[in-house]
Amino acid sequence: MNGAGHRPDRATYNCVACEKPWPCDPARDHLLDSSPNAVQLSMRLWTELEHAAGPLRDEPPAALFDRFLKWARLDS
């Protein structure tokens, strides 16, 4: 299965394909490959973080930032 099938379960924000925390490595690869530029990727990931904030409300904010945004740094 390619990275496109690695999408979040909106109730848990685990990957529906591999059950790892989303975005899993295949999802990250797909997001990087399918995003026109780093700014749009970051905007999409921020939107995902906002959606995940409800189901993952017990997670520390810094952990959510690392999970959803830190890996997609604009300078990398």
Foldseek 3Di string as FASTA:
>chain_A
DALVQQAADLLACATPPPRHRPPDPRVVVVLVVPDPALVRSQVVLVVVLVSVCVNPVVDDPVVSCVRRPPVSDRVD
